[in-house]
């Protein structure tokens, strides 16, 4: 399943990829969705001691927290929990 505005809503907790310092080095983060758009989501998250707010394209959303799912370890991020894992960042 691919991440989209149909399966991500405001206030969802998500795991995503972003360039923390806008230098091209990509890391995984967890954050809360503030707004859902056509091309991606607006997310607030902690980066060190700072709070950040970034636009994240759907292709960079790895998973969202879903308490109805079984506990899993994510294939492509260092997180485990009750997640709905997305396939956006993998070639179809």
Protein backbone atom coordinates (compact mmCIF):
# COMPACT_ATOMS: atom_id res chain seq x y z
CA UNK A 1 0.00 0.00 0.00
CA UNK A 2 1.26 3.47 -0.86
CA UNK A 3 0.96 6.44 1.46
CA UNK A 4 -1.61 8.96 0.26
CA UNK A 5 -4.16 11.49 1.46
CA UNK A 6 -6.63 8.59 1.60
CA UNK A 7 -4.77 6.72 4.36
CA UNK A 8 -2.96 9.47 6.29
CA UNK A 9 -4.89 12.00 8.33
CA UNK A 10 -4.05 15.01 10.50
CA UNK A 11 -2.76 13.99 13.96
CA UNK A 12 -1.42 10.62 12.71
CA UNK A 13 2.01 9.66 14.03
CA UNK A 14 4.29 8.69 11.12
CA UNK A 15 7.80 7.48 10.37
CA UNK A 16 9.44 9.28 7.45
CA UNK A 17 12.72 10.16 5.74
CA UNK A 18 14.09 13.70 5.63
CA UNK A 19 17.33 15.62 5.23
CA UNK A 20 17.67 17.04 8.73
CA UNK A 21 20.18 19.75 7.81
CA UNK A 22 19.14 20.09 4.14
CA UNK A 23 22.59 18.78 3.19
CA UNK A 24 21.40 15.68 1.34
CA UNK A 25 22.08 13.19 4.15
CA UNK A 26 18.83 11.32 4.78
CA UNK A 27 17.70 10.07 8.21
CA UNK A 28 14.53 8.50 9.57
CA UNK A 29 12.33 10.46 11.98
CA UNK A 30 9.01 10.13 13.74
CA UNK A 31 6.57 13.01 13.87
CA UNK A 32 2.95 14.12 13.92
CA UNK A 33 0.98 15.11 10.83
CA UNK A 34 -0.38 18.65 11.02
CA UNK A 35 -1.87 18.90 7.53
CA UNK A 36 -2.50 16.58 4.58
CA UNK A 37 -2.10 17.82 1.02
CA UNK A 38 -2.17 16.49 -2.52
CA UNK A 39 1.61 15.91 -2.76
CA UNK A 40 2.48 15.15 0.86
CA UNK A 41 2.04 16.01 4.52
CA UNK A 42 3.15 18.81 6.83
CA UNK A 43 4.88 17.26 9.85
CA UNK A 44 6.16 18.54 13.18
CA UNK A 45 9.00 16.55 14.78
CA UNK A 46 12.01 16.80 17.07
CA UNK A 47 15.50 17.10 15.64
CA UNK A 48 17.96 17.13 18.52
CA UNK A 49 16.68 19.81 20.88
CA UNK A 50 14.79 21.71 18.18
CA UNK A 51 11.26 21.33 16.95
CA UNK A 52 11.05 21.21 13.15
CA UNK A 53 8.18 21.64 10.73
CA UNK A 54 8.65 20.28 7.21
CA UNK A 55 6.71 19.28 4.12
CA UNK A 56 7.24 15.55 3.53
CA UNK A 57 6.27 14.02 0.16
CA UNK A 58 4.23 10.82 0.31
CA UNK A 59 7.14 8.92 -1.22
CA UNK A 60 9.21 9.60 1.93
CA UNK A 61 6.56 8.35 4.39
CA UNK A 62 7.64 4.90 5.60
CA UNK A 63 4.82 3.97 8.01
CA UNK A 64 2.14 5.26 10.33
CA UNK A 65 1.25 4.14 13.84
CA UNK A 66 -1.83 1.92 13.82
CA UNK A 67 -2.73 0.21 17.11
CA UNK A 68 -4.93 -2.28 15.20
CA UNK A 69 -1.87 -3.71 13.40
CA UNK A 70 0.43 -6.41 14.74
CA UNK A 71 3.73 -5.30 16.25
CA UNK A 72 6.42 -5.37 13.55
CA UNK A 73 10.00 -4.25 12.94
CA UNK A 74 10.12 -1.94 9.95
CA UNK A 75 12.12 -3.28 7.00
CA UNK A 76 13.75 0.02 6.09
CA UNK A 77 13.91 2.06 9.32
CA UNK A 78 15.19 1.43 12.87
CA UNK A 79 11.73 1.32 14.46
CA UNK A 80 9.43 -1.38 15.78
CA UNK A 81 5.84 -1.06 16.92
CA UNK A 82 2.24 -1.26 15.74
CA UNK A 83 2.69 0.14 12.22
CA UNK A 84 0.98 0.18 8.86
CA UNK A 85 4.02 0.03 6.56
CA UNK A 86 3.93 1.77 3.17
CA UNK A 87 5.69 0.74 -0.04
CA UNK A 88 6.19 4.25 -1.53
CA UNK A 89 9.94 4.25 -1.40
CA UNK A 90 10.34 0.88 -3.13
CA UNK A 91 10.28 0.40 -6.88
CA UNK A 92 7.16 -1.39 -8.11
